[in-house]
N, C-alpha and C. Protein backbone atom coordinates (compact mmCIF):
# COMPACT_ATOMS: atom_id res chain seq x y z
N MET A 1 0.84 -1.17 0.00
CA MET A 1 0.00 0.00 0.00
C MET A 1 0.89 1.24 0.00
N GLU A 2 0.54 2.15 -0.85
CA GLU A 2 1.33 3.37 -0.99
C GLU A 2 0.70 4.49 -0.17
N ILE A 3 1.52 5.20 0.58
CA ILE A 3 1.04 6.33 1.37
C ILE A 3 1.04 7.57 0.49
N THR A 4 -0.09 8.22 0.41
CA THR A 4 -0.19 9.42 -0.43
C THR A 4 -0.12 10.66 0.45
N ASN A 5 0.16 11.78 -0.21
CA ASN A 5 0.20 13.04 0.52
C ASN A 5 -1.13 13.35 1.19
N THR A 6 -2.23 12.96 0.54
CA THR A 6 -3.55 13.20 1.11
C THR A 6 -3.71 12.46 2.42
N ASN A 7 -3.23 11.21 2.47
CA ASN A 7 -3.32 10.43 3.70
C ASN A 7 -2.48 11.05 4.81
N VAL A 8 -1.30 11.54 4.46
CA VAL A 8 -0.41 12.16 5.44
C VAL A 8 -1.05 13.44 5.98
N VAL A 9 -1.60 14.24 5.09
CA VAL A 9 -2.26 15.49 5.51
C VAL A 9 -3.44 15.17 6.42
N ALA A 10 -4.24 14.19 6.05
CA ALA A 10 -5.40 13.81 6.86
C ALA A 10 -4.96 13.31 8.23
N ALA A 11 -3.90 12.52 8.27
CA ALA A 11 -3.39 12.00 9.54
C ALA A 11 -2.87 13.14 10.41
N ASN A 12 -2.17 14.10 9.80
CA ASN A 12 -1.66 15.25 10.56
C ASN A 12 -2.80 16.10 11.10
N GLU A 13 -3.85 16.29 10.30
CA GLU A 13 -5.02 17.05 10.77
C GLU A 13 -5.70 16.34 11.93
N LEU A 14 -5.81 15.02 11.85
CA LEU A 14 -6.41 14.24 12.93
C LEU A 14 -5.58 14.36 14.20
N LEU A 15 -4.26 14.23 14.08
CA LEU A 15 -3.38 14.37 15.24
C LEU A 15 -3.49 15.76 15.86
N SER A 16 -3.55 16.78 15.02
CA SER A 16 -3.68 18.15 15.51
C SER A 16 -5.00 18.33 16.27
N SER A 17 -6.05 17.77 15.73
CA SER A 17 -7.35 17.85 16.38
C SER A 17 -7.34 17.12 17.72
N LEU A 18 -6.72 15.95 17.77
CA LEU A 18 -6.64 15.18 19.01
C LEU A 18 -5.82 15.93 20.05
N LYS A 19 -4.71 16.54 19.64
CA LYS A 19 -3.89 17.32 20.56
C LYS A 19 -4.70 18.48 21.12
N SER A 20 -5.46 19.14 20.27
CA SER A 20 -6.28 20.27 20.71
C SER A 20 -7.31 19.80 21.74
N ASP A 21 -7.94 18.66 21.49
CA ASP A 21 -8.92 18.11 22.43
C ASP A 21 -8.27 17.78 23.77
N ILE A 22 -7.09 17.17 23.73
CA ILE A 22 -6.38 16.81 24.96
C ILE A 22 -6.00 18.06 25.74
N ILE A 23 -5.51 19.07 25.03
CA ILE A 23 -5.12 20.31 25.69
C ILE A 23 -6.34 20.96 26.33
N GLN A 24 -7.46 21.01 25.60
CA GLN A 24 -8.66 21.64 26.16
C GLN A 24 -9.14 20.89 27.40
N LYS A 25 -9.08 19.57 27.38
CA LYS A 25 -9.57 18.80 28.51
C LYS A 25 -8.69 18.97 29.74
N SER A 26 -7.42 19.29 29.55
CA SER A 26 -6.53 19.40 30.70
C SER A 26 -6.16 20.84 31.06
N GLN A 27 -6.58 21.81 30.24
CA GLN A 27 -6.22 23.21 30.47
C GLN A 27 -6.90 23.74 31.72
N LEU A 28 -6.13 24.40 32.57
CA LEU A 28 -6.66 25.04 33.77
C LEU A 28 -6.62 26.54 33.58
N ILE A 29 -7.70 27.22 33.98
CA ILE A 29 -7.77 28.66 33.81
C ILE A 29 -8.16 29.33 35.13
N ARG A 30 -7.68 30.55 35.31
CA ARG A 30 -7.97 31.32 36.51
C ARG A 30 -9.27 32.10 36.31
N ILE A 31 -9.73 32.72 37.37
CA ILE A 31 -11.03 33.39 37.34
C ILE A 31 -11.10 34.52 36.31
N ALA A 32 -9.99 35.19 36.05
CA ALA A 32 -10.00 36.27 35.04
C ALA A 32 -10.35 35.71 33.67
N GLU A 33 -9.80 34.53 33.34
CA GLU A 33 -10.12 33.90 32.05
C GLU A 33 -11.55 33.38 32.03
N VAL A 34 -12.00 32.83 33.18
CA VAL A 34 -13.39 32.37 33.27
C VAL A 34 -14.33 33.55 33.05
N SER A 35 -14.03 34.67 33.68
CA SER A 35 -14.84 35.87 33.53
C SER A 35 -14.87 36.34 32.08
N ALA A 36 -13.72 36.34 31.43
CA ALA A 36 -13.65 36.76 30.03
C ALA A 36 -14.43 35.82 29.12
N LEU A 37 -14.33 34.52 29.35
CA LEU A 37 -15.04 33.55 28.51
C LEU A 37 -16.55 33.63 28.68
N THR A 38 -17.00 33.87 29.90
CA THR A 38 -18.43 33.84 30.18
C THR A 38 -19.08 35.22 30.15
N THR A 39 -18.27 36.26 30.17
CA THR A 39 -18.70 37.65 30.30
C THR A 39 -19.40 37.92 31.63
N LEU A 40 -19.13 37.08 32.61
CA LEU A 40 -19.69 37.26 33.95
C LEU A 40 -18.67 37.95 34.84
N ALA A 41 -19.16 38.73 35.79
CA ALA A 41 -18.28 39.34 36.78
C ALA A 41 -17.73 38.26 37.72
N LYS A 42 -16.57 38.52 38.26
CA LYS A 42 -15.96 37.56 39.19
C LYS A 42 -16.88 37.30 40.38
N SER A 43 -17.53 38.34 40.85
CA SER A 43 -18.44 38.17 42.00
C SER A 43 -19.62 37.26 41.64
N SER A 44 -20.12 37.37 40.42
CA SER A 44 -21.22 36.50 39.98
C SER A 44 -20.76 35.05 39.89
N ILE A 45 -19.57 34.86 39.38
CA ILE A 45 -19.02 33.50 39.28
C ILE A 45 -18.93 32.89 40.67
N ASN A 46 -18.35 33.63 41.61
CA ASN A 46 -18.20 33.12 42.97
C ASN A 46 -19.55 32.84 43.63
N LEU A 47 -20.52 33.73 43.41
CA LEU A 47 -21.86 33.52 43.96
C LEU A 47 -22.50 32.27 43.36
N TRP A 48 -22.42 32.13 42.04
CA TRP A 48 -23.04 30.98 41.38
C TRP A 48 -22.36 29.67 41.74
N VAL A 49 -21.05 29.72 42.01
CA VAL A 49 -20.37 28.51 42.50
C VAL A 49 -20.97 28.12 43.85
N ALA A 50 -21.13 29.11 44.73
CA ALA A 50 -21.71 28.85 46.06
C ALA A 50 -23.14 28.33 45.97
N GLN A 51 -23.87 28.75 44.94
CA GLN A 51 -25.25 28.33 44.74
C GLN A 51 -25.36 27.08 43.85
N SER A 52 -24.22 26.50 43.50
CA SER A 52 -24.16 25.31 42.63
C SER A 52 -24.77 25.56 41.25
N LYS A 53 -24.67 26.79 40.76
CA LYS A 53 -25.15 27.13 39.43
C LYS A 53 -24.01 27.21 38.43
N PHE A 54 -22.78 27.03 38.90
CA PHE A 54 -21.60 27.13 38.06
C PHE A 54 -20.60 26.09 38.54
N PRO A 55 -19.77 25.55 37.64
CA PRO A 55 -18.81 24.50 38.05
C PRO A 55 -17.90 24.98 39.18
N LYS A 56 -17.64 24.08 40.10
CA LYS A 56 -16.74 24.39 41.21
C LYS A 56 -15.30 24.42 40.74
N PRO A 57 -14.51 25.35 41.31
CA PRO A 57 -13.10 25.40 40.94
C PRO A 57 -12.30 24.33 41.67
N ILE A 58 -11.08 24.16 41.22
CA ILE A 58 -10.11 23.28 41.86
C ILE A 58 -9.21 24.18 42.71
N SER A 59 -9.03 23.85 43.97
CA SER A 59 -8.17 24.64 44.84
C SER A 59 -6.74 24.12 44.75
N LEU A 60 -5.85 24.96 44.24
CA LEU A 60 -4.44 24.59 44.17
C LEU A 60 -3.72 24.97 45.46
N SER A 61 -4.24 25.99 46.13
CA SER A 61 -3.73 26.41 47.43
C SER A 61 -4.85 27.19 48.10
N ALA A 62 -4.57 27.77 49.25
CA ALA A 62 -5.60 28.53 49.96
C ALA A 62 -6.06 29.74 49.16
N THR A 63 -5.20 30.26 48.31
CA THR A 63 -5.55 31.48 47.57
C THR A 63 -5.65 31.30 46.06
N VAL A 64 -5.26 30.14 45.54
CA VAL A 64 -5.28 29.92 44.10
C VAL A 64 -6.35 28.89 43.74
N LYS A 65 -7.31 29.36 42.94
CA LYS A 65 -8.38 28.49 42.46
C LYS A 65 -8.39 28.54 40.94
N VAL A 66 -8.62 27.39 40.33
CA VAL A 66 -8.64 27.28 38.87
C VAL A 66 -9.83 26.43 38.45
N TRP A 67 -10.24 26.62 37.22
CA TRP A 67 -11.30 25.82 36.62
C TRP A 67 -10.73 25.05 35.45
N LYS A 68 -11.30 23.89 35.17
CA LYS A 68 -10.96 23.17 33.95
C LYS A 68 -11.68 23.86 32.80
N LEU A 69 -10.94 24.20 31.77
CA LEU A 69 -11.51 24.86 30.60
C LEU A 69 -12.67 24.04 30.05
N GLU A 70 -12.53 22.74 30.05
CA GLU A 70 -13.59 21.87 29.54
C GLU A 70 -14.89 22.05 30.34
N ASP A 71 -14.79 22.16 31.66
CA ASP A 71 -15.98 22.35 32.49
C ASP A 71 -16.68 23.67 32.17
N VAL A 72 -15.89 24.72 32.02
CA VAL A 72 -16.46 26.03 31.70
C VAL A 72 -17.08 26.01 30.31
N SER A 73 -16.40 25.42 29.35
CA SER A 73 -16.94 25.31 27.99
C SER A 73 -18.25 24.53 27.97
N ASN A 74 -18.28 23.43 28.70
CA ASN A 74 -19.51 22.63 28.78
C ASN A 74 -20.65 23.42 29.42
N TRP A 75 -20.34 24.21 30.45
CA TRP A 75 -21.35 25.03 31.11
C TRP A 75 -21.91 26.06 30.13
N ILE A 76 -21.02 26.71 29.38
CA ILE A 76 -21.45 27.70 28.39
C ILE A 76 -22.38 27.06 27.37
N GLU A 77 -22.00 25.91 26.84
CA GLU A 77 -22.83 25.21 25.86
C GLU A 77 -24.18 24.83 26.45
N ALA A 78 -24.19 24.38 27.70
CA ALA A 78 -25.45 24.02 28.35
C ALA A 78 -26.35 25.23 28.50
N GLN A 79 -25.77 26.40 28.79
CA GLN A 79 -26.57 27.61 28.92
C GLN A 79 -27.16 28.01 27.57
N LYS A 80 -26.37 27.87 26.53
CA LYS A 80 -26.87 28.21 25.19
C LYS A 80 -28.04 27.33 24.79
N THR A 81 -27.93 26.04 25.05
CA THR A 81 -28.97 25.12 24.63
C THR A 81 -30.20 25.17 25.53
N SER A 82 -30.02 25.53 26.80
CA SER A 82 -31.18 25.53 27.70
C SER A 82 -32.04 26.77 27.58
N ASN A 83 -31.40 27.94 27.34
CA ASN A 83 -32.23 29.13 27.29
C ASN A 83 -31.72 30.22 26.35
N GLY A 84 -30.70 29.93 25.58
CA GLY A 84 -30.25 30.89 24.60
C GLY A 84 -29.44 32.05 25.13
N SER A 85 -29.15 32.05 26.42
CA SER A 85 -28.35 33.13 26.99
C SER A 85 -27.46 32.57 28.09
N LEU A 86 -26.56 33.38 28.58
CA LEU A 86 -25.65 32.96 29.64
C LEU A 86 -26.21 33.38 31.00
N ARG A 87 -27.14 32.58 31.51
CA ARG A 87 -27.69 32.84 32.83
C ARG A 87 -27.47 31.61 33.68
N GLY A 88 -27.28 31.79 34.95
CA GLY A 88 -27.03 30.68 35.86
C GLY A 88 -28.28 30.03 36.40
N GLU A 89 -29.43 30.47 35.92
CA GLU A 89 -30.69 29.91 36.42
C GLU A 89 -30.97 28.58 35.76
N SER A 90 -31.45 27.62 36.54
CA SER A 90 -31.77 26.31 35.99
C SER A 90 -33.26 26.12 35.89
């Protein structure tokens, strides 16, 4: 079987896509990035976490909290599909 350039390009595109998926699933972001992605104020994010309306962060230390990018992305998509806007109401 002969390997063609098309097959190599397709394989490289697949690998690139898989790398992107792996990076997204493991990427950790701070509250400033969460705020920018969701357009929510930091205080709203913290309130909604306390009310279980937003994904809980991971505590790296007493003062450093991070979210998994995948969790935030999934939350955004769920908000879009449930009511067409970014609200924390269920």
